[in-house]
PDB file of all heavy atoms in Angstrom:
ATOM      1  N   VAL A   1     289.447  -7.164 136.450  1.00  0.00           N
ATOM      2  CA  VAL A   1     289.909  -8.339 135.702  1.00  0.00           C
ATOM      3  C   VAL A   1     288.951  -9.502 135.946  1.00  0.00           C
ATOM      4  O   VAL A   1     288.510 -10.181 135.011  1.00  0.00           O
ATOM      5  CB  VAL A   1     291.339  -8.731 136.101  1.00  0.00           C
ATOM      6  CG1 VAL A   1     291.787  -9.973 135.321  1.00  0.00           C
ATOM      7  CG2 VAL A   1     292.307  -7.585 135.864  1.00  0.00           C
ATOM      8  N   TYR A   2     288.619  -9.718 137.211  1.00  0.00           N
ATOM      9  CA  TYR A   2     287.698 -10.808 137.545  1.00  0.00           C
ATOM     10  C   TYR A   2     286.338 -10.593 136.865  1.00  0.00           C
ATOM     11  O   TYR A   2     285.715 -11.554 136.393  1.00  0.00           O
ATOM     12  CB  TYR A   2     287.496 -10.889 139.062  1.00  0.00           C
ATOM     13  CG  TYR A   2     288.722 -11.273 139.839  1.00  0.00           C
ATOM     14  CD1 TYR A   2     289.094 -10.559 140.979  1.00  0.00           C
ATOM     15  CD2 TYR A   2     289.520 -12.347 139.458  1.00  0.00           C
ATOM     16  CE1 TYR A   2     290.216 -10.901 141.715  1.00  0.00           C
ATOM     17  CE2 TYR A   2     290.650 -12.700 140.180  1.00  0.00           C
ATOM     18  CZ  TYR A   2     291.000 -11.970 141.307  1.00  0.00           C
ATOM     19  OH  TYR A   2     292.114 -12.319 142.024  1.00  0.00           O
ATOM     20  N   ALA A   3     285.883  -9.346 136.817  1.00  0.00           N
ATOM     21  CA  ALA A   3     284.582  -9.049 136.211  1.00  0.00           C
ATOM     22  C   ALA A   3     284.568  -9.405 134.732  1.00  0.00           C
ATOM     23  O   ALA A   3     283.568  -9.934 134.214  1.00  0.00           O
ATOM     24  CB  ALA A   3     284.234  -7.572 136.409  1.00  0.00           C
ATOM     25  N   ALA A   4     285.661  -9.106 134.018  1.00  0.00           N
ATOM     26  CA  ALA A   4     285.729  -9.445 132.593  1.00  0.00           C
ATOM     27  C   ALA A   4     285.854 -10.952 132.407  1.00  0.00           C
ATOM     28  O   ALA A   4     285.186 -11.546 131.545  1.00  0.00           O
ATOM     29  CB  ALA A   4     286.897  -8.728 131.937  1.00  0.00           C
ATOM     30  N   CYS A   5     286.688 -11.578 133.206  1.00  0.00           N
ATOM     31  CA  CYS A   5     286.912 -13.017 133.054  1.00  0.00           C
ATOM     32  C   CYS A   5     285.718 -13.845 133.520  1.00  0.00           C
ATOM     33  O   CYS A   5     285.651 -15.048 133.231  1.00  0.00           O
ATOM     34  CB  CYS A   5     288.170 -13.436 133.806  1.00  0.00           C
ATOM     35  SG  CYS A   5     289.699 -12.764 133.073  1.00  0.00           S
ATOM     36  N   ALA A   6     284.770 -13.207 134.208  1.00  0.00           N
ATOM     37  CA  ALA A   6     283.524 -13.898 134.564  1.00  0.00           C
ATOM     38  C   ALA A   6     282.767 -14.318 133.312  1.00  0.00           C
ATOM     39  O   ALA A   6     281.879 -15.171 133.369  1.00  0.00           O
ATOM     40  CB  ALA A   6     282.650 -12.989 135.431  1.00  0.00           C
ATOM     41  N   TYR A   7     283.130 -13.722 132.180  1.00  0.00           N
ATOM     42  CA  TYR A   7     282.534 -14.123 130.904  1.00  0.00           C
ATOM     43  C   TYR A   7     282.687 -15.625 130.670  1.00  0.00           C
ATOM     44  O   TYR A   7     281.802 -16.277 130.107  1.00  0.00           O
ATOM     45  CB  TYR A   7     283.192 -13.355 129.757  1.00  0.00           C
ATOM     46  CG  TYR A   7     282.719 -13.794 128.391  1.00  0.00           C
ATOM     47  CD1 TYR A   7     281.520 -13.324 127.873  1.00  0.00           C
ATOM     48  CD2 TYR A   7     283.447 -14.710 127.623  1.00  0.00           C
ATOM     49  CE1 TYR A   7     281.061 -13.738 126.629  1.00  0.00           C
ATOM     50  CE2 TYR A   7     282.996 -15.121 126.379  1.00  0.00           C
ATOM     51  CZ  TYR A   7     281.805 -14.636 125.896  1.00  0.00           C
ATOM     52  OH  TYR A   7     281.356 -15.060 124.671  1.00  0.00           O
ATOM     53  N   GLU A   8     283.817 -16.175 131.089  1.00  0.00           N
ATOM     54  CA  GLU A   8     284.117 -17.578 130.802  1.00  0.00           C
ATOM     55  C   GLU A   8     283.169 -18.546 131.503  1.00  0.00           C
ATOM     56  O   GLU A   8     283.019 -19.687 131.065  1.00  0.00           O
ATOM     57  CB  GLU A   8     285.569 -17.891 131.187  1.00  0.00           C
ATOM     58  CG  GLU A   8     286.604 -17.074 130.426  1.00  0.00           C
ATOM     59  CD  GLU A   8     286.554 -17.305 128.923  1.00  0.00           C
ATOM     60  OE1 GLU A   8     286.078 -18.369 128.498  1.00  0.00           O
ATOM     61  OE2 GLU A   8     286.980 -16.417 128.176  1.00  0.00           O
ATOM     62  N   THR A   9     282.545 -18.117 132.562  1.00  0.00           N
ATOM     63  CA  THR A   9     281.612 -18.994 133.280  1.00  0.00           C
ATOM     64  C   THR A   9     280.180 -18.445 133.249  1.00  0.00           C
ATOM     65  O   THR A   9     279.305 -18.962 133.938  1.00  0.00           O
ATOM     66  CB  THR A   9     282.052 -19.168 134.742  1.00  0.00           C
ATOM     67  OG1 THR A   9     282.216 -17.881 135.351  1.00  0.00           O
ATOM     68  CG2 THR A   9     283.390 -19.917 134.815  1.00  0.00           C
ATOM     69  N   ALA A  10     279.950 -17.399 132.460  1.00  0.00           N
ATOM     70  CA  ALA A  10     278.621 -16.779 132.402  1.00  0.00           C
ATOM     71  C   ALA A  10     277.618 -17.697 131.716  1.00  0.00           C
ATOM     72  O   ALA A  10     277.964 -18.496 130.831  1.00  0.00           O
ATOM     73  CB  ALA A  10     278.701 -15.450 131.669  1.00  0.00           C
ATOM     74  N   SER A  11     276.364 -17.583 132.114  1.00  0.00           N
ATOM     75  CA  SER A  11     275.292 -18.362 131.488  1.00  0.00           C
ATOM     76  C   SER A  11     274.914 -17.735 130.157  1.00  0.00           C
ATOM     77  O   SER A  11     275.266 -16.587 129.863  1.00  0.00           O
ATOM     78  CB  SER A  11     274.071 -18.378 132.412  1.00  0.00           C
ATOM     79  OG  SER A  11     273.516 -17.075 132.512  1.00  0.00           O
ATOM     80  N   GLU A  12     274.176 -18.481 129.358  1.00  0.00           N
ATOM     81  CA  GLU A  12     273.712 -17.941 128.084  1.00  0.00           C
ATOM     82  C   GLU A  12     272.789 -16.740 128.307  1.00  0.00           C
ATOM     83  O   GLU A  12     272.796 -15.787 127.530  1.00  0.00           O
ATOM     84  CB  GLU A  12     272.983 -19.029 127.287  1.00  0.00           C
ATOM     85  CG  GLU A  12     273.895 -20.141 126.791  1.00  0.00           C
ATOM     86  CD  GLU A  12     275.073 -19.610 125.982  1.00  0.00           C
ATOM     87  OE1 GLU A  12     274.852 -18.782 125.065  1.00  0.00           O
ATOM     88  OE2 GLU A  12     276.218 -20.006 126.278  1.00  0.00           O
ATOM     89  N   ALA A  13     272.019 -16.780 129.386  1.00  0.00           N
ATOM     90  CA  ALA A  13     271.137 -15.648 129.690  1.00  0.00           C
ATOM     91  C   ALA A  13     271.958 -14.398 130.008  1.00  0.00           C
ATOM     92  O   ALA A  13     271.592 -13.287 129.615  1.00  0.00           O
ATOM     93  CB  ALA A  13     270.225 -15.992 130.867  1.00  0.00           C
ATOM     94  N   GLU A  14     273.069 -14.577 130.712  1.00  0.00           N
ATOM     95  CA  GLU A  14     273.927 -13.437 131.045  1.00  0.00           C
ATOM     96  C   GLU A  14     274.616 -12.870 129.805  1.00  0.00           C
ATOM     97  O   GLU A  14     274.902 -11.680 129.735  1.00  0.00           O
ATOM     98  CB  GLU A  14     274.964 -13.843 132.080  1.00  0.00           C
ATOM     99  CG  GLU A  14     274.390 -14.118 133.464  1.00  0.00           C
ATOM    100  CD  GLU A  14     275.407 -14.695 134.418  1.00  0.00           C
ATOM    101  OE1 GLU A  14     276.146 -15.637 134.019  1.00  0.00           O
ATOM    102  OE2 GLU A  14     275.492 -14.210 135.562  1.00  0.00           O
ATOM    103  N   LYS A  15     274.890 -13.713 128.830  1.00  0.00           N
ATOM    104  CA  LYS A  15     275.556 -13.276 127.605  1.00  0.00           C
ATOM    105  C   LYS A  15     274.596 -12.647 126.599  1.00  0.00           C
ATOM    106  O   LYS A  15     275.037 -12.039 125.623  1.00  0.00           O
ATOM    107  CB  LYS A  15     276.250 -14.469 126.931  1.00  0.00           C
ATOM    108  CG  LYS A  15     277.416 -15.040 127.709  1.00  0.00           C
ATOM    109  CD  LYS A  15     278.004 -16.235 126.964  1.00  0.00           C
ATOM    110  CE  LYS A  15     279.185 -16.834 127.711  1.00  0.00           C
ATOM    111  NZ  LYS A  15     279.740 -18.009 126.999  1.00  0.00           N
ATOM    112  N   ASP A  16     273.316 -12.779 126.820  1.00  0.00           N
ATOM    113  CA  ASP A  16     272.307 -12.420 125.824  1.00  0.00           C
ATOM    114  C   ASP A  16     272.237 -10.915 125.570  1.00  0.00           C
ATOM    115  O   ASP A  16     271.540 -10.181 126.272  1.00  0.00           O
ATOM    116  CB  ASP A  16     270.948 -12.942 126.279  1.00  0.00           C
ATOM    117  CG  ASP A  16     269.824 -12.554 125.329  1.00  0.00           C
ATOM    118  OD1 ASP A  16     270.134 -12.207 124.164  1.00  0.00           O
ATOM    119  OD2 ASP A  16     268.651 -12.598 125.755  1.00  0.00           O
ATOM    120  N   TYR A  17     272.947 -10.462 124.557  1.00  0.00           N
ATOM    121  CA  TYR A  17     272.839  -9.078 124.113  1.00  0.00           C
ATOM    122  C   TYR A  17     271.718  -8.916 123.084  1.00  0.00           C
ATOM    123  O   TYR A  17     271.177  -7.825 122.888  1.00  0.00           O
ATOM    124  CB  TYR A  17     274.152  -8.600 123.481  1.00  0.00           C
ATOM    125  CG  TYR A  17     274.537  -9.362 122.221  1.00  0.00           C
ATOM    126  CD1 TYR A  17     273.972  -9.051 120.993  1.00  0.00           C
ATOM    127  CD2 TYR A  17     275.452 -10.404 122.263  1.00  0.00           C
ATOM    128  CE1 TYR A  17     274.305  -9.751 119.840  1.00  0.00           C
ATOM    129  CE2 TYR A  17     275.796 -11.110 121.118  1.00  0.00           C
ATOM    130  CZ  TYR A  17     275.223 -10.779 119.913  1.00  0.00           C
ATOM    131  OH  TYR A  17     275.548 -11.473 118.783  1.00  0.00           O
ATOM    132  N   ALA A  18     271.365 -10.013 122.418  1.00  0.00           N
ATOM    133  CA  ALA A  18     270.459  -9.943 121.270  1.00  0.00           C
ATOM    134  C   ALA A  18     269.069  -9.458 121.656  1.00  0.00           C
ATOM    135  O   ALA A  18     268.471  -8.636 120.956  1.00  0.00           O
ATOM    136  CB  ALA A  18     270.382 -11.305 120.596  1.00  0.00           C
ATOM    137  N   SER A  19     268.543  -9.964 122.767  1.00  0.00           N
ATOM    138  CA  SER A  19     267.199  -9.546 123.181  1.00  0.00           C
ATOM    139  C   SER A  19     267.160  -8.057 123.473  1.00  0.00           C
ATOM    140  O   SER A  19     266.179  -7.367 123.158  1.00  0.00           O
ATOM    141  CB  SER A  19     266.772 -10.331 124.424  1.00  0.00           C
ATOM    142  OG  SER A  19     266.653 -11.705 124.122  1.00  0.00           O
ATOM    143  N   MET A  20     268.239  -7.544 124.059  1.00  0.00           N
ATOM    144  CA  MET A  20     268.312  -6.115 124.381  1.00  0.00           C
ATOM    145  C   MET A  20     268.335  -5.275 123.102  1.00  0.00           C
ATOM    146  O   MET A  20     267.625  -4.276 122.983  1.00  0.00           O
ATOM    147  CB  MET A  20     269.568  -5.829 125.208  1.00  0.00           C
ATOM    148  CG  MET A  20     269.641  -6.593 126.516  1.00  0.00           C
ATOM    149  SD  MET A  20     268.465  -5.984 127.731  1.00  0.00           S
ATOM    150  CE  MET A  20     269.284  -4.492 128.253  1.00  0.00           C
ATOM    151  N   LEU A  21     269.163  -5.681 122.130  1.00  0.00           N
ATOM    152  CA  LEU A  21     269.302  -4.890 120.907  1.00  0.00           C
ATOM    153  C   LEU A  21     268.065  -4.981 120.023  1.00  0.00           C
ATOM    154  O   LEU A  21     267.735  -4.043 119.309  1.00  0.00           O
ATOM    155  CB  LEU A  21     270.534  -5.347 120.131  1.00  0.00           C
ATOM    156  CG  LEU A  21     271.884  -5.162 120.824  1.00  0.00           C
ATOM    157  CD1 LEU A  21     273.011  -5.622 119.917  1.00  0.00           C
ATOM    158  CD2 LEU A  21     272.101  -3.712 121.232  1.00  0.00           C
ATOM    159  N   ALA A  22     267.394  -6.112 120.057  1.00  0.00           N
ATOM    160  CA  ALA A  22     266.205  -6.282 119.221  1.00  0.00           C
ATOM    161  C   ALA A  22     265.023  -5.458 119.734  1.00  0.00           C
ATOM    162  O   ALA A  22     264.172  -5.028 118.953  1.00  0.00           O
ATOM    163  CB  ALA A  22     265.820  -7.751 119.152  1.00  0.00           C
ATOM    164  N   ALA A  23     264.980  -5.245 121.057  1.00  0.00           N
ATOM    165  CA  ALA A  23     263.852  -4.542 121.656  1.00  0.00           C
ATOM    166  C   ALA A  23     264.209  -3.137 122.115  1.00  0.00           C
ATOM    167  O   ALA A  23     263.411  -2.483 122.785  1.00  0.00           O
ATOM    168  CB  ALA A  23     263.320  -5.349 122.842  1.00  0.00           C
ATOM    169  N   ALA A  24     265.402  -2.663 121.755  1.00  0.00           N
ATOM    170  CA  ALA A  24     265.856  -1.346 122.218  1.00  0.00           C
ATOM    171  C   ALA A  24     264.929  -0.239 121.708  1.00  0.00           C
ATOM    172  O   ALA A  24     264.452  -0.296 120.571  1.00  0.00           O
ATOM    173  CB  ALA A  24     267.285  -1.087 121.742  1.00  0.00           C
ATOM    174  N   PRO A  25     264.679   0.769 122.524  1.00  0.00           N
ATOM    175  CA  PRO A  25     263.796   1.857 122.087  1.00  0.00           C
ATOM    176  C   PRO A  25     264.391   2.732 120.986  1.00  0.00           C
ATOM    177  O   PRO A  25     263.666   3.409 120.267  1.00  0.00           O
ATOM    178  CB  PRO A  25     263.583   2.672 123.373  1.00  0.00           C
ATOM    179  CG  PRO A  25     264.744   2.345 124.238  1.00  0.00           C
ATOM    180  CD  PRO A  25     265.102   0.929 123.922  1.00  0.00           C
ATOM    181  N   GLN A  26     265.732   2.715 120.858  1.00  0.00           N
ATOM    182  CA  GLN A  26     266.397   3.489 119.818  1.00  0.00           C
ATOM    183  C   GLN A  26     267.358   2.579 119.050  1.00  0.00           C
ATOM    184  O   GLN A  26     268.030   1.733 119.627  1.00  0.00           O
ATOM    185  CB  GLN A  26     267.204   4.641 120.447  1.00  0.00           C
ATOM    186  CG  GLN A  26     266.373   5.597 121.261  1.00  0.00           C
ATOM    187  CD  GLN A  26     267.201   6.421 122.219  1.00  0.00           C
ATOM    188  OE1 GLN A  26     266.722   6.820 123.273  1.00  0.00           O
ATOM    189  NE2 GLN A  26     268.447   6.680 121.883  1.00  0.00           N
ATOM    190  N   HIS A  27     267.418   2.756 117.745  1.00  0.00           N
ATOM    191  CA  HIS A  27     268.372   2.037 116.903  1.00  0.00           C
ATOM    192  C   HIS A  27     268.281   0.518 117.086  1.00  0.00           C
ATOM    193  O   HIS A  27     269.298  -0.172 117.068  1.00  0.00           O
ATOM    194  CB  HIS A  27     269.801   2.492 117.175  1.00  0.00           C
ATOM    195  CG  HIS A  27     270.001   3.969 117.027  1.00  0.00           C
ATOM    196  ND1 HIS A  27     269.889   4.620 115.821  1.00  0.00           N
ATOM    197  CD2 HIS A  27     270.274   4.929 117.948  1.00  0.00           C
ATOM    198  CE1 HIS A  27     270.116   5.921 116.002  1.00  0.00           C
ATOM    199  NE2 HIS A  27     270.334   6.131 117.272  1.00  0.00           N
ATOM    200  N   ALA A  28     267.081   0.001 117.297  1.00  0.00           N
ATOM    201  CA  ALA A  28     266.931  -1.451 117.441  1.00  0.00           C
ATOM    202  C   ALA A  28     267.476  -2.138 116.188  1.00  0.00           C
ATOM    203  O   ALA A  28     267.241  -1.691 115.067  1.00  0.00           O
ATOM    204  CB  ALA A  28     265.460  -1.806 117.640  1.00  0.00           C
ATOM    205  N   PHE A  29     268.196  -3.222 116.378  1.00  0.00           N
ATOM    206  CA  PHE A  29     268.825  -3.910 115.247  1.00  0.00           C
ATOM    207  C   PHE A  29     267.763  -4.426 114.281  1.00  0.00           C
ATOM    208  O   PHE A  29     266.689  -4.869 114.681  1.00  0.00           O
ATOM    209  CB  PHE A  29     269.692  -5.061 115.751  1.00  0.00           C
ATOM    210  CG  PHE A  29     271.129  -4.673 115.974  1.00  0.00           C
ATOM    211  CD1 PHE A  29     271.471  -3.445 116.516  1.00  0.00           C
ATOM    212  CD2 PHE A  29     272.157  -5.535 115.630  1.00  0.00           C
ATOM    213  CE1 PHE A  29     272.779  -3.086 116.721  1.00  0.00           C
ATOM    214  CE2 PHE A  29     273.485  -5.179 115.821  1.00  0.00           C
ATOM    215  CZ  PHE A  29     273.802  -3.957 116.372  1.00  0.00           C
ATOM    216  N   SER A  30     268.108  -4.395 113.010  1.00  0.00           N
ATOM    217  CA  SER A  30     267.171  -4.732 111.945  1.00  0.00           C
ATOM    218  C   SER A  30     266.651  -6.157 112.068  1.00  0.00           C
ATOM    219  O   SER A  30     267.407  -7.088 112.391  1.00  0.00           O
ATOM    220  CB  SER A  30     267.851  -4.575 110.584  1.00  0.00           C
ATOM    221  OG  SER A  30     268.294  -3.271 110.375  1.00  0.00           O
ATOM    222  N   LYS A  31     265.377  -6.315 111.791  1.00  0.00           N
ATOM    223  CA  LYS A  31     264.797  -7.650 111.726  1.00  0.00           C
ATOM    224  C   LYS A  31     265.335  -8.384 110.498  1.00  0.00           C
ATOM    225  O   LYS A  31     265.576  -7.786 109.459  1.00  0.00           O
ATOM    226  CB  LYS A  31     263.273  -7.561 111.648  1.00  0.00           C
ATOM    227  CG  LYS A  31     262.625  -6.983 112.898  1.00  0.00           C
ATOM    228  CD  LYS A  31     262.823  -7.865 114.109  1.00  0.00           C
ATOM    229  CE  LYS A  31     262.148  -7.312 115.347  1.00  0.00           C
ATOM    230  NZ  LYS A  31     262.382  -8.144 116.543  1.00  0.00           N
ATOM    231  N   GLY A  32     265.534  -9.668 110.656  1.00  0.00           N
ATOM    232  CA  GLY A  32     265.986 -10.491 109.551  1.00  0.00           C
ATOM    233  C   GLY A  32     267.490 -10.587 109.393  1.00  0.00           C
ATOM    234  O   GLY A  32     267.981 -11.329 108.540  1.00  0.00           O
ATOM    235  N   GLN A  33     268.247  -9.852 110.214  1.00  0.00           N
ATOM    236  CA  GLN A  33     269.701  -9.850 110.101  1.00  0.00           C
ATOM    237  C   GLN A  33     270.299 -10.729 111.191  1.00  0.00           C
ATOM    238  O   GLN A  33     270.146 -10.453 112.376  1.00  0.00           O
ATOM    239  CB  GLN A  33     270.254  -8.424 110.228  1.00  0.00           C
ATOM    240  CG  GLN A  33     271.763  -8.335 110.079  1.00  0.00           C
ATOM    241  CD  GLN A  33     272.261  -6.902 110.170  1.00  0.00           C
ATOM    242  OE1 GLN A  33     271.599  -6.034 110.726  1.00  0.00           O
ATOM    243  NE2 GLN A  33     273.429  -6.647 109.622  1.00  0.00           N
ATOM    244  N   CYS A  34     270.980 -11.785 110.806  1.00  0.00           N
ATOM    245  CA  CYS A  34     271.613 -12.680 111.769  1.00  0.00           C
ATOM    246  C   CYS A  34     272.857 -12.011 112.339  1.00  0.00           C
ATOM    247  O   CYS A  34     273.724 -11.541 111.595  1.00  0.00           O
ATOM    248  CB  CYS A  34     271.992 -14.001 111.110  1.00  0.00           C
ATOM    249  SG  CYS A  34     272.791 -15.180 112.246  1.00  0.00           S
ATOM    250  N   THR A  35     272.950 -11.969 113.666  1.00  0.00           N
ATOM    251  CA  THR A  35     274.140 -11.421 114.318  1.00  0.00           C
ATOM    252  C   THR A  35     275.005 -12.527 114.927  1.00  0.00           C
ATOM    253  O   THR A  35     275.928 -12.236 115.668  1.00  0.00           O
ATOM    254  CB  THR A  35     273.756 -10.412 115.421  1.00  0.00           C
ATOM    255  OG1 THR A  35     273.126 -11.114 116.501  1.00  0.00           O
ATOM    256  CG2 THR A  35     272.819  -9.339 114.892  1.00  0.00           C
ATOM    257  N   TYR A  36     274.669 -13.793 114.643  1.00  0.00           N
ATOM    258  CA  TYR A  36     275.436 -14.958 115.116  1.00  0.00           C
ATOM    259  C   TYR A  36     275.441 -15.034 116.641  1.00  0.00           C
ATOM    260  O   TYR A  36     276.420 -15.486 117.258  1.00  0.00           O
ATOM    261  CB  TYR A  36     276.868 -14.932 114.572  1.00  0.00           C
ATOM    262  CG  TYR A  36     276.970 -14.468 113.140  1.00  0.00           C
ATOM    263  CD1 TYR A  36     277.723 -13.357 112.786  1.00  0.00           C
ATOM    264  CD2 TYR A  36     276.272 -15.123 112.125  1.00  0.00           C
ATOM    265  CE1 TYR A  36     277.800 -12.915 111.474  1.00  0.00           C
ATOM    266  CE2 TYR A  36     276.346 -14.689 110.812  1.00  0.00           C
ATOM    267  CZ  TYR A  36     277.103 -13.587 110.493  1.00  0.00           C
ATOM    268  OH  TYR A  36     277.177 -13.145 109.195  1.00  0.00           O
ATOM    269  N   CYS A  37     274.345 -14.598 117.263  1.00  0.00           N
ATOM    270  CA  CYS A  37     274.305 -14.526 118.727  1.00  0.00           C
ATOM    271  C   CYS A  37     274.121 -15.891 119.371  1.00  0.00           C
ATOM    272  O   CYS A  37     274.394 -16.061 120.557  1.00  0.00           O
ATOM    273  CB  CYS A  37     273.186 -13.578 119.177  1.00  0.00           C
ATOM    274  SG  CYS A  37     271.510 -14.163 118.809  1.00  0.00           S
ATOM    275  N   GLY A  38     273.605 -16.878 118.627  1.00  0.00           N
ATOM    276  CA  GLY A  38     273.411 -18.216 119.173  1.00  0.00           C
ATOM    277  C   GLY A  38     272.080 -18.423 119.864  1.00  0.00           C
ATOM    278  O   GLY A  38     271.834 -19.481 120.456  1.00  0.00           O
ATOM    279  N   HIS A  39     271.180 -17.443 119.793  1.00  0.00           N
ATOM    280  CA  HIS A  39     269.866 -17.562 120.425  1.00  0.00           C
ATOM    281  C   HIS A  39     269.058 -18.708 119.837  1.00  0.00           C
ATOM    282  O   HIS A  39     268.148 -19.231 120.487  1.00  0.00           O
ATOM    283  CB  HIS A  39     269.087 -16.259 120.222  1.00  0.00           C
ATOM    284  CG  HIS A  39     268.747 -15.570 121.504  1.00  0.00           C
ATOM    285  ND1 HIS A  39     267.839 -16.051 122.395  1.00  0.00           N
ATOM    286  CD2 HIS A  39     269.216 -14.416 122.046  1.00  0.00           C
ATOM    287  CE1 HIS A  39     267.733 -15.233 123.424  1.00  0.00           C
ATOM    288  NE2 HIS A  39     268.569 -14.235 123.236  1.00  0.00           N
ATOM    289  N   CYS A  40     269.368 -19.072 118.601  1.00  0.00           N
ATOM    290  CA  CYS A  40     268.618 -20.119 117.905  1.00  0.00           C
ATOM    291  C   CYS A  40     268.830 -21.503 118.514  1.00  0.00           C
ATOM    292  O   CYS A  40     268.028 -22.411 118.311  1.00  0.00           O
ATOM    293  CB  CYS A  40     269.022 -20.132 116.438  1.00  0.00           C
ATOM    294  SG  CYS A  40     270.810 -20.037 116.184  1.00  0.00           S
ATOM    295  N   ALA A  41     269.918 -21.683 119.242  1.00  0.00           N
ATOM    296  CA  ALA A  41     270.228 -22.984 119.844  1.00  0.00           C
ATOM    297  C   ALA A  41     269.280 -23.249 121.025  1.00  0.00           C
ATOM    298  O   ALA A  41     268.749 -22.317 121.626  1.00  0.00           O
ATOM    299  CB  ALA A  41     271.681 -22.994 120.294  1.00  0.00           C
ATOM    300  N   PRO A  42     269.066 -24.519 121.366  1.00  0.00           N
ATOM    301  CA  PRO A  42     269.654 -25.709 120.742  1.00  0.00           C
ATOM    302  C   PRO A  42     268.821 -26.204 119.568  1.00  0.00           C
ATOM    303  O   PRO A  42     267.595 -26.072 119.561  1.00  0.00           O
ATOM    304  CB  PRO A  42     269.625 -26.734 121.877  1.00  0.00           C
ATOM    305  CG  PRO A  42     268.402 -26.359 122.665  1.00  0.00           C
ATOM    306  CD  PRO A  42     268.305 -24.857 122.591  1.00  0.00           C
ATOM    307  N   CYS A  43     269.511 -26.755 118.585  1.00  0.00           N
ATOM    308  CA  CYS A  43     268.849 -27.333 117.430  1.00  0.00           C
ATOM    309  C   CYS A  43     268.645 -28.827 117.673  1.00  0.00           C
ATOM    310  O   CYS A  43     269.601 -29.528 118.019  1.00  0.00           O
ATOM    311  CB  CYS A  43     269.717 -27.122 116.184  1.00  0.00           C
ATOM    312  SG  CYS A  43     269.157 -28.027 114.722  1.00  0.00           S
ATOM    313  N   PRO A  44     267.434 -29.346 117.516  1.00  0.00           N
ATOM    314  CA  PRO A  44     267.198 -30.771 117.768  1.00  0.00           C
ATOM    315  C   PRO A  44     267.993 -31.671 116.823  1.00  0.00           C
ATOM    316  O   PRO A  44     268.255 -32.829 117.149  1.00  0.00           O
ATOM    317  CB  PRO A  44     265.689 -30.922 117.560  1.00  0.00           C
ATOM    318  CG  PRO A  44     265.291 -29.759 116.712  1.00  0.00           C
ATOM    319  CD  PRO A  44     266.200 -28.648 117.115  1.00  0.00           C
TER     320      PRO A  44
END
């Protein structure tokens, strides 16, 4: 339970699934498709 709820205090780096999926050796997610991951932030 504590491990799952650690999500609430996790850093953006810890939450970053996008870098893993974009560079995965198999089934890497398509380029150009927004997954709403929030990597684009912060916007000036």
